[in-house]
Amino acid sequence: MAEKQAKGQYVGVQRASRKYLHIRAWGEYMGSMNYYIVDQQALAEKDGAPENALYKRGEEWITADTIENIFAKDYVNKRVQELKQIWQK
């Protein structure tokens, strides 16, 4: 989990949420709970994972360019674009 600052704010959570949109999109596609997605985004930030990371398998971050299922790939790509628009507001 992300480290807490004295004010009770999580360090890097917002930055990770904006940076690791593919993890958010993949997590939603897989039906993951929000707390898990946020935790994975924070872990990706801590690890310095590629920005298109989806999830971690062992010590390796699996990225969006490895998605073989056309429906999953389409969903993730569209959702990432939606999230980018949301974060720009």
C-alpha atoms as a PDB file:
ATOM      1  CA  MET A   1       0.000   0.000   0.000  1.00  0.00           C
ATOM      2  CA  ALA A   2       1.141   3.569  -0.559  1.00  0.00           C
ATOM      3  CA  GLU A   3       2.922   5.316   2.299  1.00  0.00           C
ATOM      4  CA  LYS A   4       1.002   7.876   4.363  1.00  0.00           C
ATOM      5  CA  GLN A   5       2.147  11.432   4.935  1.00  0.00           C
ATOM      6  CA  ALA A   6       1.537  13.243   8.232  1.00  0.00           C
ATOM      7  CA  LYS A   7      -1.619  14.877   6.818  1.00  0.00           C
ATOM      8  CA  GLY A   8      -3.066  11.455   6.026  1.00  0.00           C
ATOM      9  CA  GLN A   9      -2.614  11.793   2.259  1.00  0.00           C
ATOM     10  CA  TYR A  10      -1.208   8.897   0.324  1.00  0.00           C
ATOM     11  CA  VAL A  11       2.116   9.686  -1.314  1.00  0.00           C
ATOM     12  CA  GLY A  12       2.052   9.214  -5.054  1.00  0.00           C
ATOM     13  CA  VAL A  13      -1.458   7.719  -5.263  1.00  0.00           C
ATOM     14  CA  GLN A  14      -2.883  10.532  -7.367  1.00  0.00           C
ATOM     15  CA  ARG A  15       0.237  10.615  -9.549  1.00  0.00           C
ATOM     16  CA  ALA A  16       0.069   6.829 -10.008  1.00  0.00           C
ATOM     17  CA  SER A  17      -3.665   7.009 -10.755  1.00  0.00           C
ATOM     18  CA  ARG A  18      -3.020   9.497 -13.549  1.00  0.00           C
ATOM     19  CA  LYS A  19       0.063   7.719 -14.870  1.00  0.00           C
ATOM     20  CA  TYR A  20      -1.057   4.081 -14.821  1.00  0.00           C
ATOM     21  CA  LEU A  21      -4.359   4.297 -16.689  1.00  0.00           C
ATOM     22  CA  HIS A  22      -3.867   0.885 -18.297  1.00  0.00           C
ATOM     23  CA  ILE A  23      -3.885  -0.741 -14.846  1.00  0.00           C
ATOM     24  CA  ARG A  24      -7.177   1.041 -14.098  1.00  0.00           C
ATOM     25  CA  ALA A  25      -8.707  -0.046 -17.420  1.00  0.00           C
ATOM     26  CA  TRP A  26      -7.474  -3.642 -17.087  1.00  0.00           C
ATOM     27  CA  GLY A  27      -8.678  -3.856 -13.508  1.00  0.00           C
ATOM     28  CA  GLU A  28     -12.126  -2.643 -14.509  1.00  0.00           C
ATOM     29  CA  TYR A  29     -12.204  -5.125 -17.391  1.00  0.00           C
ATOM     30  CA  MET A  30     -11.297  -7.954 -15.003  1.00  0.00           C
ATOM     31  CA  GLY A  31     -13.852  -6.829 -12.393  1.00  0.00           C
ATOM     32  CA  SER A  32     -11.285  -5.877  -9.747  1.00  0.00           C
ATOM     33  CA  MET A  33     -12.267  -3.797  -6.734  1.00  0.00           C
ATOM     34  CA  ASN A  34     -11.187  -0.139  -6.687  1.00  0.00           C
ATOM     35  CA  TYR A  35      -8.899  -0.564  -3.657  1.00  0.00           C
ATOM     36  CA  TYR A  36      -6.998  -3.308  -5.492  1.00  0.00           C
ATOM     37  CA  ILE A  37      -6.605  -1.208  -8.639  1.00  0.00           C
ATOM     38  CA  VAL A  38      -5.304   1.764  -6.628  1.00  0.00           C
ATOM     39  CA  ASP A  39      -2.887  -0.530  -4.783  1.00  0.00           C
ATOM     40  CA  GLN A  40      -1.578  -1.951  -8.073  1.00  0.00           C
ATOM     41  CA  GLN A  41      -1.131   1.555  -9.478  1.00  0.00           C
ATOM     42  CA  ALA A  42       0.870   2.543  -6.387  1.00  0.00           C
ATOM     43  CA  LEU A  43       2.988  -0.613  -6.729  1.00  0.00           C
ATOM     44  CA  ALA A  44       3.643   0.186 -10.393  1.00  0.00           C
ATOM     45  CA  GLU A  45       4.756   3.692  -9.410  1.00  0.00           C
ATOM     46  CA  LYS A  46       7.054   2.274  -6.730  1.00  0.00           C
ATOM     47  CA  ASP A  47       8.534  -0.279  -9.159  1.00  0.00           C
ATOM     48  CA  GLY A  48       8.921   2.200 -12.013  1.00  0.00           C
ATOM     49  CA  ALA A  49       6.764  -0.004 -14.252  1.00  0.00           C
ATOM     50  CA  PRO A  50       6.142   0.921 -17.897  1.00  0.00           C
ATOM     51  CA  GLU A  51       3.214   3.354 -18.269  1.00  0.00           C
ATOM     52  CA  ASN A  52       1.238   0.763 -20.254  1.00  0.00           C
ATOM     53  CA  ALA A  53       1.600  -1.878 -17.517  1.00  0.00           C
ATOM     54  CA  LEU A  54      -1.480  -4.004 -16.811  1.00  0.00           C
ATOM     55  CA  TYR A  55      -0.444  -6.233 -13.913  1.00  0.00           C
ATOM     56  CA  LYS A  56       2.590  -7.774 -12.283  1.00  0.00           C
ATOM     57  CA  ARG A  57       3.394 -11.469 -12.725  1.00  0.00           C
ATOM     58  CA  GLY A  58       6.246 -12.496 -10.448  1.00  0.00           C
ATOM     59  CA  GLU A  59       8.863  -9.800 -10.917  1.00  0.00           C
ATOM     60  CA  GLU A  60       7.680  -8.794 -14.431  1.00  0.00           C
ATOM     61  CA  TRP A  61       5.122  -6.166 -15.396  1.00  0.00           C
ATOM     62  CA  ILE A  62       2.855  -7.375 -18.205  1.00  0.00           C
ATOM     63  CA  THR A  63       2.021  -4.563 -20.636  1.00  0.00           C
ATOM     64  CA  ALA A  64      -0.928  -3.643 -22.856  1.00  0.00           C
ATOM     65  CA  ASP A  65       0.881  -4.509 -26.080  1.00  0.00           C
ATOM     66  CA  THR A  66       0.768  -8.187 -25.065  1.00  0.00           C
ATOM     67  CA  ILE A  67      -3.056  -8.399 -24.955  1.00  0.00           C
ATOM     68  CA  GLU A  68      -4.113 -11.016 -27.494  1.00  0.00           C
ATOM     69  CA  ASN A  69      -7.884 -10.973 -26.990  1.00  0.00           C
ATOM     70  CA  ILE A  70      -9.244  -8.373 -29.441  1.00  0.00           C
ATOM     71  CA  PHE A  71     -12.228  -7.520 -27.211  1.00  0.00           C
ATOM     72  CA  ALA A  72     -10.037  -7.002 -24.148  1.00  0.00           C
ATOM     73  CA  LYS A  73      -7.548  -4.928 -26.144  1.00  0.00           C
ATOM     74  CA  ASP A  74     -10.343  -2.787 -27.592  1.00  0.00           C
ATOM     75  CA  TYR A  75     -11.906  -2.229 -24.156  1.00  0.00           C
ATOM     76  CA  VAL A  76      -8.591  -1.267 -22.545  1.00  0.00           C
ATOM     77  CA  ASN A  77      -7.621   1.113 -25.355  1.00  0.00           C
ATOM     78  CA  LYS A  78     -11.014   2.857 -25.359  1.00  0.00           C
ATOM     79  CA  ARG A  79     -11.134   3.097 -21.569  1.00  0.00           C
ATOM     80  CA  VAL A  80      -7.613   4.561 -21.393  1.00  0.00           C
ATOM     81  CA  GLN A  81      -8.682   7.278 -23.852  1.00  0.00           C
ATOM     82  CA  GLU A  82     -11.770   8.024 -21.722  1.00  0.00           C
ATOM     83  CA  LEU A  83      -9.654   8.220 -18.577  1.00  0.00           C
ATOM     84  CA  LYS A  84      -7.188  10.579 -20.259  1.00  0.00           C
ATOM     85  CA  GLN A  85     -10.073  12.909 -21.119  1.00  0.00           C
ATOM     86  CA  ILE A  86     -11.382  12.764 -17.545  1.00  0.00           C
ATOM     87  CA  TRP A  87      -7.956  13.591 -16.058  1.00  0.00           C
ATOM     88  CA  GLN A  88      -7.499  16.534 -18.439  1.00  0.00           C
ATOM     89  CA  LYS A  89     -10.543  18.319 -16.962  1.00  0.00           C
END
